[in-house]
Amino acid sequence: MPPKRKAKTAPATATEPAADAAGPVTPARTKRAATSRASTRCTAFSASVCTKWFNRYKDADNQDQIGPEGIEKLCGDLDLDPSSFEVLVLAYTLGAKQMGYFSRTEWSIAMARLELDNCTKLKTYLTSTANAMLADPSGTDFRCLYRYAYDFSRAEGQKSVDLASAMAMLSVVFPDAHALGGVRARFVEFLDHQTNAKVITRDQWTNLPEFWARDGAARDPAGYDFEASAWPSLFDDFMKWRADQAKAQS
């Protein structure tokens, strides 16, 4: 996951099931969850084992949350990079509200629903789910995760996502294995060089995948119609940057 923020005590009140927090329960999600449970259910689910599993990673000063250090330890046990797509899928599955923190309630509800109580089962579920999402980038599951990622990246009290956090999250949501991974890399490079934009708005975030698929990934940026463009101005700036790069390399 992108850089973690200052610690904040997780709320003690119960939350809704992760399926509701992360997005609508669709037939695809239901089918995939059932398949994942079948493939990971080597032993029957145990709530007490699941609780002990959570306690292995909980904060020393807050018994009801897993913080940055605990998440790093969990990722080590799962053999996953904390900034990987699979770990974002984990946060999405839990319906995590704050980056870098998983509450006991989020964990208990999601793991019981999926019948996961150890790292082996969780790793299998995350790998299967991540592969399914990346294989169907236009599907409902991936699109729900993409919407979740924006709110997950926003600092508390902010309407938009700061540029550094947006760049980091885009690299997680659209890894190289994603169909749009190549154009994502160019867009992040552009953001890193431009000086006008300080944040990514929700409208820009929402339109990015369609823009990339329709225009942003075009091999010849010179064919982009700036006059007829209805995209956010930041996207026009990206295409101009690409055209200038192509001229400089010719």
C-alpha atoms as a PDB file:
ATOM      1  CA  MET A   1       0.000   0.000   0.000  1.00  0.00           C
ATOM      2  CA  PRO A   2       1.120   3.625  -0.457  1.00  0.00           C
ATOM      3  CA  PRO A   3       2.951   5.428   2.409  1.00  0.00           C
ATOM      4  CA  LYS A   4       1.166   5.104   5.725  1.00  0.00           C
ATOM      5  CA  ARG A   5      -0.206   8.041   7.650  1.00  0.00           C
ATOM      6  CA  LYS A   6      -0.014   9.094  11.282  1.00  0.00           C
ATOM      7  CA  ALA A   7      -1.490   6.551  13.654  1.00  0.00           C
ATOM      8  CA  LYS A   8      -5.081   6.986  14.691  1.00  0.00           C
ATOM      9  CA  THR A   9      -6.985   4.792  17.113  1.00  0.00           C
ATOM     10  CA  ALA A  10      -9.392   2.558  15.251  1.00  0.00           C
ATOM     11  CA  PRO A  11     -13.034   3.044  16.200  1.00  0.00           C
ATOM     12  CA  ALA A  12     -14.365   0.608  18.773  1.00  0.00           C
ATOM     13  CA  THR A  13     -17.841   0.522  17.302  1.00  0.00           C
ATOM     14  CA  ALA A  14     -18.894  -2.247  14.994  1.00  0.00           C
ATOM     15  CA  THR A  15     -18.840  -1.701  11.261  1.00  0.00           C
ATOM     16  CA  GLU A  16     -20.935  -3.125   8.477  1.00  0.00           C
ATOM     17  CA  PRO A  17     -19.709  -6.255   6.688  1.00  0.00           C
ATOM     18  CA  ALA A  18     -16.775  -5.678   4.342  1.00  0.00           C
ATOM     19  CA  ALA A  19     -18.910  -6.554   1.342  1.00  0.00           C
ATOM     20  CA  ASP A  20     -21.045  -3.488   1.994  1.00  0.00           C
ATOM     21  CA  ALA A  21     -18.105  -1.220   2.799  1.00  0.00           C
ATOM     22  CA  ALA A  22     -16.082  -2.243  -0.217  1.00  0.00           C
ATOM     23  CA  GLY A  23     -18.897  -2.296  -2.748  1.00  0.00           C
ATOM     24  CA  PRO A  24     -22.067  -4.116  -3.777  1.00  0.00           C
ATOM     25  CA  VAL A  25     -22.326  -7.871  -3.500  1.00  0.00           C
ATOM     26  CA  THR A  26     -22.421  -8.965  -7.138  1.00  0.00           C
ATOM     27  CA  PRO A  27     -22.930 -12.445  -8.592  1.00  0.00           C
ATOM     28  CA  ALA A  28     -19.285 -12.401  -9.683  1.00  0.00           C
ATOM     29  CA  ARG A  29     -18.077 -11.606  -6.166  1.00  0.00           C
ATOM     30  CA  THR A  30     -20.346 -14.217  -4.635  1.00  0.00           C
ATOM     31  CA  LYS A  31     -19.205 -16.892  -7.079  1.00  0.00           C
ATOM     32  CA  ARG A  32     -15.549 -16.013  -6.642  1.00  0.00           C
ATOM     33  CA  ALA A  33     -15.820 -15.953  -2.855  1.00  0.00           C
ATOM     34  CA  ALA A  34     -17.465 -19.389  -2.891  1.00  0.00           C
ATOM     35  CA  THR A  35     -14.751 -20.744  -5.180  1.00  0.00           C
ATOM     36  CA  SER A  36     -12.019 -19.270  -2.993  1.00  0.00           C
ATOM     37  CA  ARG A  37     -13.575 -20.720   0.147  1.00  0.00           C
ATOM     38  CA  ALA A  38     -13.776 -24.132  -1.445  1.00  0.00           C
ATOM     39  CA  SER A  39     -10.122 -23.994  -2.510  1.00  0.00           C
ATOM     40  CA  THR A  40      -8.857 -22.754   0.872  1.00  0.00           C
ATOM     41  CA  ARG A  41     -11.044 -24.747   3.281  1.00  0.00           C
ATOM     42  CA  CYS A  42      -8.437 -27.364   4.230  1.00  0.00           C
ATOM     43  CA  THR A  43      -9.845 -27.330   7.750  1.00  0.00           C
ATOM     44  CA  ALA A  44     -13.102 -25.994   9.179  1.00  0.00           C
ATOM     45  CA  PHE A  45     -13.152 -22.302  10.062  1.00  0.00           C
ATOM     46  CA  SER A  46     -12.543 -21.548  13.730  1.00  0.00           C
ATOM     47  CA  ALA A  47     -13.466 -18.162  15.205  1.00  0.00           C
ATOM     48  CA  SER A  48     -11.091 -18.696  18.132  1.00  0.00           C
ATOM     49  CA  VAL A  49      -8.210 -19.529  15.785  1.00  0.00           C
ATOM     50  CA  CYS A  50      -9.066 -16.447  13.755  1.00  0.00           C
ATOM     51  CA  THR A  51      -8.940 -14.315  16.913  1.00  0.00           C
ATOM     52  CA  LYS A  52      -5.534 -15.715  17.881  1.00  0.00           C
ATOM     53  CA  TRP A  53      -4.370 -15.047  14.331  1.00  0.00           C
ATOM     54  CA  PHE A  54      -5.414 -11.386  14.619  1.00  0.00           C
ATOM     55  CA  ASN A  55      -3.724 -11.100  18.016  1.00  0.00           C
ATOM     56  CA  ARG A  56      -0.429 -12.132  16.462  1.00  0.00           C
ATOM     57  CA  TYR A  57      -0.344  -8.808  14.620  1.00  0.00           C
ATOM     58  CA  LYS A  58      -2.283  -6.422  16.893  1.00  0.00           C
ATOM     59  CA  ASP A  59      -0.772  -3.200  18.213  1.00  0.00           C
ATOM     60  CA  ALA A  60       0.850  -3.325  21.620  1.00  0.00           C
ATOM     61  CA  ASP A  61      -0.954  -0.140  22.686  1.00  0.00           C
ATOM     62  CA  ASN A  62      -4.297  -0.898  21.001  1.00  0.00           C
ATOM     63  CA  GLN A  63      -5.682  -4.397  21.303  1.00  0.00           C
ATOM     64  CA  ASP A  64      -8.372  -3.786  18.675  1.00  0.00           C
ATOM     65  CA  GLN A  65      -6.281  -2.812  15.664  1.00  0.00           C
ATOM     66  CA  ILE A  66      -3.404  -3.935  13.511  1.00  0.00           C
ATOM     67  CA  GLY A  67      -1.157  -0.984  12.727  1.00  0.00           C
ATOM     68  CA  PRO A  68       1.707  -0.413  10.260  1.00  0.00           C
ATOM     69  CA  GLU A  69       4.160  -2.689  12.062  1.00  0.00           C
ATOM     70  CA  GLY A  70       1.611  -5.478  12.335  1.00  0.00           C
ATOM     71  CA  ILE A  71       0.676  -5.160   8.675  1.00  0.00           C
ATOM     72  CA  GLU A  72       4.318  -5.411   7.681  1.00  0.00           C
ATOM     73  CA  LYS A  73       4.620  -8.552   9.807  1.00  0.00           C
ATOM     74  CA  LEU A  74       1.455  -9.969   8.224  1.00  0.00           C
ATOM     75  CA  CYS A  75       2.772  -9.216   4.741  1.00  0.00           C
ATOM     76  CA  GLY A  76       6.003 -10.988   5.642  1.00  0.00           C
ATOM     77  CA  ASP A  77       4.059 -14.077   6.734  1.00  0.00           C
ATOM     78  CA  LEU A  78       2.029 -13.891   3.498  1.00  0.00           C
ATOM     79  CA  ASP A  79       5.195 -13.342   1.451  1.00  0.00           C
ATOM     80  CA  LEU A  80       3.624 -10.246  -0.118  1.00  0.00           C
ATOM     81  CA  ASP A  81       4.984  -6.758  -0.742  1.00  0.00           C
ATOM     82  CA  PRO A  82       2.987  -4.260   1.384  1.00  0.00           C
ATOM     83  CA  SER A  83       2.570  -2.171  -1.782  1.00  0.00           C
ATOM     84  CA  SER A  84       1.245  -5.061  -3.858  1.00  0.00           C
ATOM     85  CA  PHE A  85      -2.127  -5.306  -5.544  1.00  0.00           C
ATOM     86  CA  GLU A  86      -2.935  -8.306  -3.336  1.00  0.00           C
ATOM     87  CA  VAL A  87      -2.557  -6.234  -0.155  1.00  0.00           C
ATOM     88  CA  LEU A  88      -4.888  -3.599  -1.593  1.00  0.00           C
ATOM     89  CA  VAL A  89      -7.354  -6.434  -2.256  1.00  0.00           C
ATOM     90  CA  LEU A  90      -6.992  -7.377   1.415  1.00  0.00           C
ATOM     91  CA  ALA A  91      -7.806  -3.824   2.548  1.00  0.00           C
ATOM     92  CA  TYR A  92     -10.767  -3.756   0.152  1.00  0.00           C
ATOM     93  CA  THR A  93     -12.001  -7.144   1.360  1.00  0.00           C
ATOM     94  CA  LEU A  94     -11.861  -5.942   4.964  1.00  0.00           C
ATOM     95  CA  GLY A  95     -13.498  -2.643   4.063  1.00  0.00           C
ATOM     96  CA  ALA A  96     -10.611  -0.917   5.856  1.00  0.00           C
ATOM     97  CA  LYS A  97     -11.371   2.727   6.568  1.00  0.00           C
ATOM     98  CA  GLN A  98      -7.853   3.985   7.278  1.00  0.00           C
ATOM     99  CA  MET A  99      -4.688   3.273   5.330  1.00  0.00           C
ATOM    100  CA  GLY A 100      -2.184   1.289   7.346  1.00  0.00           C
ATOM    101  CA  TYR A 101      -4.736   0.054   9.915  1.00  0.00           C
ATOM    102  CA  PHE A 102      -7.099  -2.916  10.153  1.00  0.00           C
ATOM    103  CA  SER A 103      -9.612  -2.938  13.003  1.00  0.00           C
ATOM    104  CA  ARG A 104     -10.563  -6.085  14.885  1.00  0.00           C
ATOM    105  CA  THR A 105     -14.170  -5.639  13.734  1.00  0.00           C
ATOM    106  CA  GLU A 106     -13.197  -5.315  10.061  1.00  0.00           C
ATOM    107  CA  TRP A 107     -10.996  -8.389  10.356  1.00  0.00           C
ATOM    108  CA  SER A 108     -13.482 -10.568  12.258  1.00  0.00           C
ATOM    109  CA  ILE A 109     -16.439  -9.879   9.961  1.00  0.00           C
ATOM    110  CA  ALA A 110     -14.548 -10.397   6.698  1.00  0.00           C
ATOM    111  CA  MET A 111     -12.599 -13.475   7.781  1.00  0.00           C
ATOM    112  CA  ALA A 112     -15.707 -15.162   9.186  1.00  0.00           C
ATOM    113  CA  ARG A 113     -17.629 -14.427   5.978  1.00  0.00           C
ATOM    114  CA  LEU A 114     -14.857 -15.936   3.858  1.00  0.00           C
ATOM    115  CA  GLU A 115     -14.022 -18.680   6.403  1.00  0.00           C
ATOM    116  CA  LEU A 116     -10.343 -17.716   6.584  1.00  0.00           C
ATOM    117  CA  ASP A 117      -8.376 -18.275   9.779  1.00  0.00           C
ATOM    118  CA  ASN A 118      -4.720 -18.575   8.760  1.00  0.00           C
ATOM    119  CA  CYS A 119      -2.180 -17.134   6.341  1.00  0.00           C
ATOM    120  CA  THR A 120      -2.270 -20.099   3.979  1.00  0.00           C
ATOM    121  CA  LYS A 121      -5.989 -19.714   3.350  1.00  0.00           C
ATOM    122  CA  LEU A 122      -5.726 -15.926   3.096  1.00  0.00           C
ATOM    123  CA  LYS A 123      -2.826 -16.055   0.639  1.00  0.00           C
ATOM    124  CA  THR A 124      -4.762 -18.432  -1.607  1.00  0.00           C
ATOM    125  CA  TYR A 125      -7.834 -16.204  -1.475  1.00  0.00           C
ATOM    126  CA  LEU A 126      -5.891 -13.001  -2.202  1.00  0.00           C
ATOM    127  CA  THR A 127      -3.973 -14.545  -5.094  1.00  0.00           C
ATOM    128  CA  SER A 128      -7.134 -15.976  -6.657  1.00  0.00           C
ATOM    129  CA  THR A 129      -9.108 -12.757  -6.220  1.00  0.00           C
ATOM    130  CA  ALA A 130      -6.314 -10.516  -7.488  1.00  0.00           C
ATOM    131  CA  ASN A 131      -5.782 -12.668 -10.581  1.00  0.00           C
ATOM    132  CA  ALA A 132      -9.517 -12.666 -11.318  1.00  0.00           C
ATOM    133  CA  MET A 133      -9.715  -8.877 -11.038  1.00  0.00           C
ATOM    134  CA  LEU A 134      -6.674  -8.272 -13.234  1.00  0.00           C
ATOM    135  CA  ALA A 135      -8.019 -10.699 -15.814  1.00  0.00           C
ATOM    136  CA  ASP A 136     -11.270  -8.731 -16.040  1.00  0.00           C
ATOM    137  CA  PRO A 137     -10.327  -5.029 -15.614  1.00  0.00           C
ATOM    138  CA  SER A 138     -13.682  -3.859 -16.950  1.00  0.00           C
ATOM    139  CA  GLY A 139     -15.616  -6.100 -14.565  1.00  0.00           C
ATOM    140  CA  THR A 140     -17.664  -4.944 -11.606  1.00  0.00           C
ATOM    141  CA  ASP A 141     -15.221  -6.297  -9.012  1.00  0.00           C
ATOM    142  CA  PHE A 142     -12.231  -4.352 -10.310  1.00  0.00           C
ATOM    143  CA  ARG A 143     -14.279  -1.187 -10.799  1.00  0.00           C
ATOM    144  CA  CYS A 144     -15.549  -1.399  -7.205  1.00  0.00           C
ATOM    145  CA  LEU A 145     -12.008  -1.800  -5.927  1.00  0.00           C
ATOM    146  CA  TYR A 146     -10.885   1.161  -8.049  1.00  0.00           C
ATOM    147  CA  ARG A 147     -13.569   3.406  -6.525  1.00  0.00           C
ATOM    148  CA  TYR A 148     -12.649   2.184  -3.053  1.00  0.00           C
ATOM    149  CA  ALA A 149      -8.974   2.970  -3.667  1.00  0.00           C
ATOM    150  CA  TYR A 150      -9.716   6.679  -4.137  1.00  0.00           C
ATOM    151  CA  ASP A 151     -11.442   7.097  -0.779  1.00  0.00           C
ATOM    152  CA  PHE A 152      -8.863   4.851   0.875  1.00  0.00           C
ATOM    153  CA  SER A 153      -6.124   7.216  -0.359  1.00  0.00           C
ATOM    154  CA  ARG A 154      -7.750  10.447   0.812  1.00  0.00           C
ATOM    155  CA  ALA A 155      -6.382  12.097   3.935  1.00  0.00           C
ATOM    156  CA  GLU A 156      -8.994  12.610   6.625  1.00  0.00           C
ATOM    157  CA  GLY A 157     -11.059  15.718   5.976  1.00  0.00           C
ATOM    158  CA  GLN A 158      -9.839  16.143   2.386  1.00  0.00           C
ATOM    159  CA  LYS A 159     -12.106  15.996  -0.671  1.00  0.00           C
ATOM    160  CA  SER A 160      -9.304  15.130  -3.120  1.00  0.00           C
ATOM    161  CA  VAL A 161      -6.225  12.910  -3.061  1.00  0.00           C
ATOM    162  CA  ASP A 162      -2.841  14.596  -2.896  1.00  0.00           C
ATOM    163  CA  LEU A 163      -0.643  13.982  -5.909  1.00  0.00           C
ATOM    164  CA  ALA A 164       1.970  11.793  -4.199  1.00  0.00           C
ATOM    165  CA  SER A 165      -0.685   9.481  -2.726  1.00  0.00           C
ATOM    166  CA  ALA A 166      -2.544   9.307  -6.048  1.00  0.00           C
ATOM    167  CA  MET A 167       0.630   8.383  -7.937  1.00  0.00           C
ATOM    168  CA  ALA A 168       1.451   5.667  -5.425  1.00  0.00           C
ATOM    169  CA  MET A 169      -2.081   4.239  -5.456  1.00  0.00           C
ATOM    170  CA  LEU A 170      -2.332   4.260  -9.262  1.00  0.00           C
ATOM    171  CA  SER A 171       0.839   2.168  -9.362  1.00  0.00           C
ATOM    172  CA  VAL A 172      -0.780  -0.331  -6.986  1.00  0.00           C
ATOM    173  CA  VAL A 173      -4.176  -0.492  -8.703  1.00  0.00           C
ATOM    174  CA  PHE A 174      -2.671  -0.747 -12.194  1.00  0.00           C
ATOM    175  CA  PRO A 175       0.415  -2.963 -11.806  1.00  0.00           C
ATOM    176  CA  ASP A 176       2.476  -3.944 -14.826  1.00  0.00           C
ATOM    177  CA  ALA A 177       0.332  -7.072 -15.187  1.00  0.00           C
ATOM    178  CA  HIS A 178      -2.761  -4.928 -15.764  1.00  0.00           C
ATOM    179  CA  ALA A 179      -3.819  -4.184 -19.338  1.00  0.00           C
ATOM    180  CA  LEU A 180      -3.381  -0.470 -18.607  1.00  0.00           C
ATOM    181  CA  GLY A 181      -0.131  -0.867 -16.672  1.00  0.00           C
ATOM    182  CA  GLY A 182       1.957   0.619 -19.490  1.00  0.00           C
ATOM    183  CA  VAL A 183      -0.032   3.836 -19.924  1.00  0.00           C
ATOM    184  CA  ARG A 184      -0.306   4.134 -16.138  1.00  0.00           C
ATOM    185  CA  ALA A 185       3.489   4.214 -15.923  1.00  0.00           C
ATOM    186  CA  ARG A 186       3.646   7.028 -18.502  1.00  0.00           C
ATOM    187  CA  PHE A 187       0.892   8.983 -16.756  1.00  0.00           C
ATOM    188  CA  VAL A 188       2.625   8.712 -13.367  1.00  0.00           C
ATOM    189  CA  GLU A 189       5.865   9.879 -14.997  1.00  0.00           C
ATOM    190  CA  PHE A 190       3.969  12.865 -16.405  1.00  0.00           C
ATOM    191  CA  LEU A 191       2.500  13.695 -12.987  1.00  0.00           C
ATOM    192  CA  ASP A 192       5.958  13.548 -11.487  1.00  0.00           C
ATOM    193  CA  HIS A 193       7.240  16.166 -13.969  1.00  0.00           C
ATOM    194  CA  GLN A 194       4.305  18.596 -14.160  1.00  0.00           C
ATOM    195  CA  THR A 195       3.956  21.462 -11.665  1.00  0.00           C
ATOM    196  CA  ASN A 196       0.345  22.648 -12.059  1.00  0.00           C
ATOM    197  CA  ALA A 197      -1.722  19.900 -10.433  1.00  0.00           C
ATOM    198  CA  LYS A 198      -1.425  19.365  -6.689  1.00  0.00           C
ATOM    199  CA  VAL A 199      -4.264  16.876  -6.248  1.00  0.00           C
ATOM    200  CA  ILE A 200      -6.295  14.341  -8.225  1.00  0.00           C
ATOM    201  CA  THR A 201     -10.007  15.048  -8.058  1.00  0.00           C
ATOM    202  CA  ARG A 202     -12.675  12.370  -7.926  1.00  0.00           C
ATOM    203  CA  ASP A 203     -13.797  13.293 -11.454  1.00  0.00           C
ATOM    204  CA  GLN A 204     -10.263  12.856 -12.789  1.00  0.00           C
ATOM    205  CA  TRP A 205      -9.846   9.562 -10.945  1.00  0.00           C
ATOM    206  CA  THR A 206     -13.184   8.227 -12.187  1.00  0.00           C
ATOM    207  CA  ASN A 207     -12.420   9.050 -15.820  1.00  0.00           C
ATOM    208  CA  LEU A 208      -8.809   7.883 -15.932  1.00  0.00           C
ATOM    209  CA  PRO A 209      -9.338   4.237 -16.974  1.00  0.00           C
ATOM    210  CA  GLU A 210     -11.677   5.175 -19.839  1.00  0.00           C
ATOM    211  CA  PHE A 211      -9.352   7.956 -20.970  1.00  0.00           C
ATOM    212  CA  TRP A 212      -6.357   5.654 -20.918  1.00  0.00           C
ATOM    213  CA  ALA A 213      -8.203   2.951 -22.845  1.00  0.00           C
ATOM    214  CA  ARG A 214      -9.584   5.340 -25.501  1.00  0.00           C
ATOM    215  CA  ASP A 215      -6.904   8.009 -25.965  1.00  0.00           C
ATOM    216  CA  GLY A 216      -4.117   7.869 -23.424  1.00  0.00           C
ATOM    217  CA  ALA A 217      -2.626   4.638 -24.732  1.00  0.00           C
ATOM    218  CA  ALA A 218      -2.689   5.730 -28.408  1.00  0.00           C
ATOM    219  CA  ARG A 219       0.646   5.108 -30.074  1.00  0.00           C
ATOM    220  CA  ASP A 220       0.512   8.423 -31.933  1.00  0.00           C
ATOM    221  CA  PRO A 221      -0.366  11.280 -29.552  1.00  0.00           C
ATOM    222  CA  ALA A 222      -0.233  13.707 -32.499  1.00  0.00           C
ATOM    223  CA  GLY A 223      -3.660  12.451 -33.550  1.00  0.00           C
ATOM    224  CA  TYR A 224      -5.298  13.649 -30.320  1.00  0.00           C
ATOM    225  CA  ASP A 225      -7.975  16.287 -30.977  1.00  0.00           C
ATOM    226  CA  PHE A 226      -7.399  18.975 -28.350  1.00  0.00           C
ATOM    227  CA  GLU A 227     -10.187  21.192 -29.682  1.00  0.00           C
ATOM    228  CA  ALA A 228     -12.859  18.505 -29.472  1.00  0.00           C
ATOM    229  CA  SER A 229     -11.582  17.015 -26.201  1.00  0.00           C
ATOM    230  CA  ALA A 230     -14.127  16.756 -23.406  1.00  0.00           C
ATOM    231  CA  TRP A 231     -11.645  15.218 -20.954  1.00  0.00           C
ATOM    232  CA  PRO A 232     -10.405  17.065 -17.833  1.00  0.00           C
ATOM    233  CA  SER A 233      -7.670  19.564 -18.723  1.00  0.00           C
ATOM    234  CA  LEU A 234      -5.071  17.481 -16.890  1.00  0.00           C
ATOM    235  CA  PHE A 235      -5.592  14.717 -19.455  1.00  0.00           C
ATOM    236  CA  ASP A 236      -5.056  17.204 -22.308  1.00  0.00           C
ATOM    237  CA  ASP A 237      -1.813  18.260 -20.622  1.00  0.00           C
ATOM    238  CA  PHE A 238      -0.743  14.620 -20.521  1.00  0.00           C
ATOM    239  CA  MET A 239      -1.306  14.194 -24.238  1.00  0.00           C
ATOM    240  CA  LYS A 240       0.598  17.416 -24.975  1.00  0.00           C
ATOM    241  CA  TRP A 241       3.448  16.126 -22.805  1.00  0.00           C
ATOM    242  CA  ARG A 242       3.457  12.873 -24.767  1.00  0.00           C
ATOM    243  CA  ALA A 243       3.459  14.750 -28.089  1.00  0.00           C
ATOM    244  CA  ASP A 244       6.363  16.926 -26.939  1.00  0.00           C
ATOM    245  CA  GLN A 245       8.273  13.806 -25.865  1.00  0.00           C
ATOM    246  CA  ALA A 246       7.664  12.175 -29.256  1.00  0.00           C
ATOM    247  CA  LYS A 247       8.969  15.275 -31.058  1.00  0.00           C
ATOM    248  CA  ALA A 248      12.068  15.394 -28.882  1.00  0.00           C
ATOM    249  CA  GLN A 249      12.845  11.757 -29.635  1.00  0.00           C
ATOM    250  CA  SER A 250      12.290  12.037 -33.393  1.00  0.00           C
END
